[in-house]
Amino acid sequence: MNRLLLAFALLLPASAFAGPVQPLTAAEVPALLQPPAHGERIIALWSLDCAYCEPNLAALAALQRAHPRDIELITLATDSVEQRDAIEARLRGMKMAAYPARAYAEASPERISFLLDPHWGGETPRVLVIRADGSRLGISGALTAAQLQRIR
């Protein structure tokens, strides 16, 4: 019985255990960017004032649900973690509260943006895809069907 429960727990997506918005510091960025053991880690960068972020997050969540064992989805608000209540409320409103959520926690947010992707200008929405083989893909703006195909 214990083995069965353990096997079931291991099959659940990591998003099922998501909690409140966690701060992201510059020191934590390298660990976030490490390739996953298999599949892809998708880091969905968004902000509270972003018009295209909600449809992007919905599309990425649908992609993750279609491939729960292969895709890890993390939302990352480029807003300050000091706005945690507003970020969490928005994620709940978008039905994204089940996914691991982070928010910038540095006096200089540009530093975190640069560490995440030195080729990124800071615009949102932004998607970073980190594959198990170490390759990466960055996409800015509203996602198209063709771009979603490239992610998976």
C-alpha atoms as a PDB file:
ATOM      1  CA  MET A   1       0.000   0.000   0.000  1.00  0.00           C
ATOM      2  CA  ASN A   2       2.810   2.431   0.864  1.00  0.00           C
ATOM      3  CA  ARG A   3       4.485   1.741  -2.482  1.00  0.00           C
ATOM      4  CA  LEU A   4       1.247   2.459  -4.283  1.00  0.00           C
ATOM      5  CA  LEU A   5       0.853   5.792  -2.504  1.00  0.00           C
ATOM      6  CA  LEU A   6       4.467   6.713  -3.237  1.00  0.00           C
ATOM      7  CA  ALA A   7       4.067   5.827  -6.914  1.00  0.00           C
ATOM      8  CA  PHE A   8       0.893   7.930  -7.111  1.00  0.00           C
ATOM      9  CA  ALA A   9       2.610  10.905  -5.478  1.00  0.00           C
ATOM     10  CA  LEU A  10       5.514  10.696  -7.912  1.00  0.00           C
ATOM     11  CA  LEU A  11       3.152  10.720 -10.874  1.00  0.00           C
ATOM     12  CA  LEU A  12       1.430  13.930  -9.815  1.00  0.00           C
ATOM     13  CA  PRO A  13       2.763  17.005 -11.571  1.00  0.00           C
ATOM     14  CA  ALA A  14       4.928  19.273  -9.463  1.00  0.00           C
ATOM     15  CA  SER A  15       2.331  21.988  -9.947  1.00  0.00           C
ATOM     16  CA  ALA A  16      -0.068  20.125  -7.696  1.00  0.00           C
ATOM     17  CA  PHE A  17       2.134  21.116  -4.766  1.00  0.00           C
ATOM     18  CA  ALA A  18       2.444  24.799  -5.623  1.00  0.00           C
ATOM     19  CA  GLY A  19       2.123  27.255  -2.790  1.00  0.00           C
ATOM     20  CA  PRO A  20       2.212  31.013  -2.377  1.00  0.00           C
ATOM     21  CA  VAL A  21       4.379  33.261  -4.536  1.00  0.00           C
ATOM     22  CA  GLN A  22       8.028  32.769  -3.641  1.00  0.00           C
ATOM     23  CA  PRO A  23      10.712  35.460  -4.005  1.00  0.00           C
ATOM     24  CA  LEU A  24      13.348  35.086  -6.707  1.00  0.00           C
ATOM     25  CA  THR A  25      16.743  36.629  -6.017  1.00  0.00           C
ATOM     26  CA  ALA A  26      19.682  36.928  -8.372  1.00  0.00           C
ATOM     27  CA  ALA A  27      21.487  34.207  -6.426  1.00  0.00           C
ATOM     28  CA  GLU A  28      18.656  31.745  -7.194  1.00  0.00           C
ATOM     29  CA  VAL A  29      18.528  32.333 -10.949  1.00  0.00           C
ATOM     30  CA  PRO A  30      21.290  29.826 -11.879  1.00  0.00           C
ATOM     31  CA  ALA A  31      19.413  26.989 -10.145  1.00  0.00           C
ATOM     32  CA  LEU A  32      16.174  27.972 -11.902  1.00  0.00           C
ATOM     33  CA  LEU A  33      17.954  27.851 -15.264  1.00  0.00           C
ATOM     34  CA  GLN A  34      19.458  24.392 -14.736  1.00  0.00           C
ATOM     35  CA  PRO A  35      18.160  21.899 -17.302  1.00  0.00           C
ATOM     36  CA  PRO A  36      15.499  19.543 -15.954  1.00  0.00           C
ATOM     37  CA  ALA A  37      16.224  15.819 -15.709  1.00  0.00           C
ATOM     38  CA  HIS A  38      13.844  15.211 -18.633  1.00  0.00           C
ATOM     39  CA  GLY A  39      11.438  17.177 -20.785  1.00  0.00           C
ATOM     40  CA  GLU A  40      11.202  20.955 -20.527  1.00  0.00           C
ATOM     41  CA  ARG A  41      10.974  23.591 -17.857  1.00  0.00           C
ATOM     42  CA  ILE A  42       8.901  26.528 -19.039  1.00  0.00           C
ATOM     43  CA  ILE A  43       9.361  29.796 -17.209  1.00  0.00           C
ATOM     44  CA  ALA A  44       6.452  32.084 -18.045  1.00  0.00           C
ATOM     45  CA  LEU A  45       7.433  35.681 -17.314  1.00  0.00           C
ATOM     46  CA  TRP A  46       4.527  38.051 -16.875  1.00  0.00           C
ATOM     47  CA  SER A  47       3.531  41.231 -15.086  1.00  0.00           C
ATOM     48  CA  LEU A  48       0.448  42.664 -13.474  1.00  0.00           C
ATOM     49  CA  ASP A  49       0.093  45.332 -16.179  1.00  0.00           C
ATOM     50  CA  CYS A  50       0.608  42.999 -19.164  1.00  0.00           C
ATOM     51  CA  ALA A  51      -2.300  42.766 -21.619  1.00  0.00           C
ATOM     52  CA  TYR A  52      -1.109  39.610 -23.415  1.00  0.00           C
ATOM     53  CA  CYS A  53       0.092  37.684 -20.380  1.00  0.00           C
ATOM     54  CA  GLU A  54      -3.199  36.045 -19.431  1.00  0.00           C
ATOM     55  CA  PRO A  55      -3.759  34.324 -22.814  1.00  0.00           C
ATOM     56  CA  ASN A  56      -0.105  33.227 -22.854  1.00  0.00           C
ATOM     57  CA  LEU A  57      -0.366  31.720 -19.385  1.00  0.00           C
ATOM     58  CA  ALA A  58      -3.596  29.931 -20.345  1.00  0.00           C
ATOM     59  CA  ALA A  59      -1.964  28.464 -23.475  1.00  0.00           C
ATOM     60  CA  LEU A  60       1.100  27.332 -21.532  1.00  0.00           C
ATOM     61  CA  ALA A  61      -1.072  25.764 -18.828  1.00  0.00           C
ATOM     62  CA  ALA A  62      -3.017  23.841 -21.493  1.00  0.00           C
ATOM     63  CA  LEU A  63       0.285  22.646 -22.989  1.00  0.00           C
ATOM     64  CA  GLN A  64       1.525  21.543 -19.574  1.00  0.00           C
ATOM     65  CA  ARG A  65      -1.735  19.712 -18.834  1.00  0.00           C
ATOM     66  CA  ALA A  66      -1.403  17.886 -22.163  1.00  0.00           C
ATOM     67  CA  HIS A  67       2.146  16.798 -21.222  1.00  0.00           C
ATOM     68  CA  PRO A  68       2.196  16.685 -17.398  1.00  0.00           C
ATOM     69  CA  ARG A  69       5.171  14.335 -17.137  1.00  0.00           C
ATOM     70  CA  ASP A  70       7.288  16.239 -19.647  1.00  0.00           C
ATOM     71  CA  ILE A  71       6.631  19.901 -18.920  1.00  0.00           C
ATOM     72  CA  GLU A  72       7.275  21.781 -15.704  1.00  0.00           C
ATOM     73  CA  LEU A  73       5.597  25.200 -15.771  1.00  0.00           C
ATOM     74  CA  ILE A  74       6.706  27.994 -13.460  1.00  0.00           C
ATOM     75  CA  THR A  75       5.155  31.444 -13.486  1.00  0.00           C
ATOM     76  CA  LEU A  76       7.492  34.337 -12.769  1.00  0.00           C
ATOM     77  CA  ALA A  77       6.075  37.800 -12.163  1.00  0.00           C
ATOM     78  CA  THR A  78       8.496  40.564 -13.054  1.00  0.00           C
ATOM     79  CA  ASP A  79       6.717  42.632 -10.419  1.00  0.00           C
ATOM     80  CA  SER A  80       8.179  42.944  -6.940  1.00  0.00           C
ATOM     81  CA  VAL A  81       7.411  40.166  -4.487  1.00  0.00           C
ATOM     82  CA  GLU A  82       6.193  42.993  -2.247  1.00  0.00           C
ATOM     83  CA  GLN A  83       3.083  42.916  -4.473  1.00  0.00           C
ATOM     84  CA  ARG A  84       2.525  39.285  -3.469  1.00  0.00           C
ATOM     85  CA  ASP A  85      -1.168  39.758  -2.610  1.00  0.00           C
ATOM     86  CA  ALA A  86      -1.973  41.300  -6.002  1.00  0.00           C
ATOM     87  CA  ILE A  87       0.108  38.673  -7.835  1.00  0.00           C
ATOM     88  CA  GLU A  88      -1.589  35.797  -6.012  1.00  0.00           C
ATOM     89  CA  ALA A  89      -5.034  37.295  -6.606  1.00  0.00           C
ATOM     90  CA  ARG A  90      -4.325  37.672 -10.323  1.00  0.00           C
ATOM     91  CA  LEU A  91      -2.997  34.107 -10.569  1.00  0.00           C
ATOM     92  CA  ARG A  92      -6.142  32.816  -8.838  1.00  0.00           C
ATOM     93  CA  GLY A  93      -8.284  34.847 -11.228  1.00  0.00           C
ATOM     94  CA  MET A  94      -6.441  33.325 -14.196  1.00  0.00           C
ATOM     95  CA  LYS A  95      -6.758  29.822 -12.682  1.00  0.00           C
ATOM     96  CA  MET A  96      -2.950  29.629 -12.496  1.00  0.00           C
ATOM     97  CA  ALA A  97      -2.601  29.369  -8.713  1.00  0.00           C
ATOM     98  CA  ALA A  98      -1.774  25.639  -8.860  1.00  0.00           C
ATOM     99  CA  TYR A  99       1.543  26.289 -10.624  1.00  0.00           C
ATOM    100  CA  PRO A 100       4.755  27.203  -8.833  1.00  0.00           C
ATOM    101  CA  ALA A 101       4.941  30.996  -8.770  1.00  0.00           C
ATOM    102  CA  ARG A 102       7.873  33.318  -8.243  1.00  0.00           C
ATOM    103  CA  ALA A 103       8.284  37.088  -8.244  1.00  0.00           C
ATOM    104  CA  TYR A 104      11.307  39.359  -8.426  1.00  0.00           C
ATOM    105  CA  ALA A 105      12.904  40.112  -5.061  1.00  0.00           C
ATOM    106  CA  GLU A 106      15.754  42.505  -5.846  1.00  0.00           C
ATOM    107  CA  ALA A 107      16.181  46.250  -5.638  1.00  0.00           C
ATOM    108  CA  SER A 108      17.429  46.079  -9.239  1.00  0.00           C
ATOM    109  CA  PRO A 109      14.952  43.957 -11.236  1.00  0.00           C
ATOM    110  CA  GLU A 110      16.979  44.535 -14.398  1.00  0.00           C
ATOM    111  CA  ARG A 111      19.718  42.383 -12.885  1.00  0.00           C
ATOM    112  CA  ILE A 112      17.401  39.387 -12.564  1.00  0.00           C
ATOM    113  CA  SER A 113      16.106  39.944 -16.103  1.00  0.00           C
ATOM    114  CA  PHE A 114      19.665  40.001 -17.461  1.00  0.00           C
ATOM    115  CA  LEU A 115      20.622  36.868 -15.539  1.00  0.00           C
ATOM    116  CA  LEU A 116      17.558  35.040 -16.844  1.00  0.00           C
ATOM    117  CA  ASP A 117      18.325  35.950 -20.456  1.00  0.00           C
ATOM    118  CA  PRO A 118      20.938  38.526 -21.483  1.00  0.00           C
ATOM    119  CA  HIS A 119      19.221  38.818 -24.909  1.00  0.00           C
ATOM    120  CA  TRP A 120      15.872  39.792 -23.383  1.00  0.00           C
ATOM    121  CA  GLY A 121      14.832  43.449 -23.247  1.00  0.00           C
ATOM    122  CA  GLY A 122      12.413  43.020 -20.342  1.00  0.00           C
ATOM    123  CA  GLU A 123       9.157  43.027 -22.326  1.00  0.00           C
ATOM    124  CA  THR A 124       6.321  40.786 -21.201  1.00  0.00           C
ATOM    125  CA  PRO A 125       5.036  38.281 -21.834  1.00  0.00           C
ATOM    126  CA  ARG A 126       8.226  36.278 -22.205  1.00  0.00           C
ATOM    127  CA  VAL A 127       8.636  32.517 -22.260  1.00  0.00           C
ATOM    128  CA  LEU A 128      11.890  30.748 -21.492  1.00  0.00           C
ATOM    129  CA  VAL A 129      12.042  27.077 -22.386  1.00  0.00           C
ATOM    130  CA  ILE A 130      14.879  25.075 -20.876  1.00  0.00           C
ATOM    131  CA  ARG A 131      15.234  21.558 -22.235  1.00  0.00           C
ATOM    132  CA  ALA A 132      16.844  18.533 -20.619  1.00  0.00           C
ATOM    133  CA  ASP A 133      19.574  18.597 -23.294  1.00  0.00           C
ATOM    134  CA  GLY A 134      20.563  22.100 -22.145  1.00  0.00           C
ATOM    135  CA  SER A 135      19.143  23.938 -25.146  1.00  0.00           C
ATOM    136  CA  ARG A 136      17.012  27.023 -24.578  1.00  0.00           C
ATOM    137  CA  LEU A 137      14.361  28.939 -26.414  1.00  0.00           C
ATOM    138  CA  GLY A 138      13.120  32.433 -25.639  1.00  0.00           C
ATOM    139  CA  ILE A 139       9.900  33.873 -27.045  1.00  0.00           C
ATOM    140  CA  SER A 140       8.574  37.386 -26.420  1.00  0.00           C
ATOM    141  CA  GLY A 141       5.052  38.600 -27.039  1.00  0.00           C
ATOM    142  CA  ALA A 142       1.734  36.884 -27.566  1.00  0.00           C
ATOM    143  CA  LEU A 143       2.251  33.220 -28.398  1.00  0.00           C
ATOM    144  CA  THR A 144       1.155  31.934 -31.788  1.00  0.00           C
ATOM    145  CA  ALA A 145       0.183  28.354 -32.596  1.00  0.00           C
ATOM    146  CA  ALA A 146       3.491  27.913 -34.443  1.00  0.00           C
ATOM    147  CA  GLN A 147       5.462  29.111 -31.410  1.00  0.00           C
ATOM    148  CA  LEU A 148       3.590  26.720 -29.120  1.00  0.00           C
ATOM    149  CA  GLN A 149       4.565  23.914 -31.519  1.00  0.00           C
ATOM    150  CA  ARG A 150       8.231  24.932 -31.215  1.00  0.00           C
ATOM    151  CA  ILE A 151       8.026  24.743 -27.429  1.00  0.00           C
ATOM    152  CA  ARG A 152       6.916  21.152 -27.465  1.00  0.00           C
END
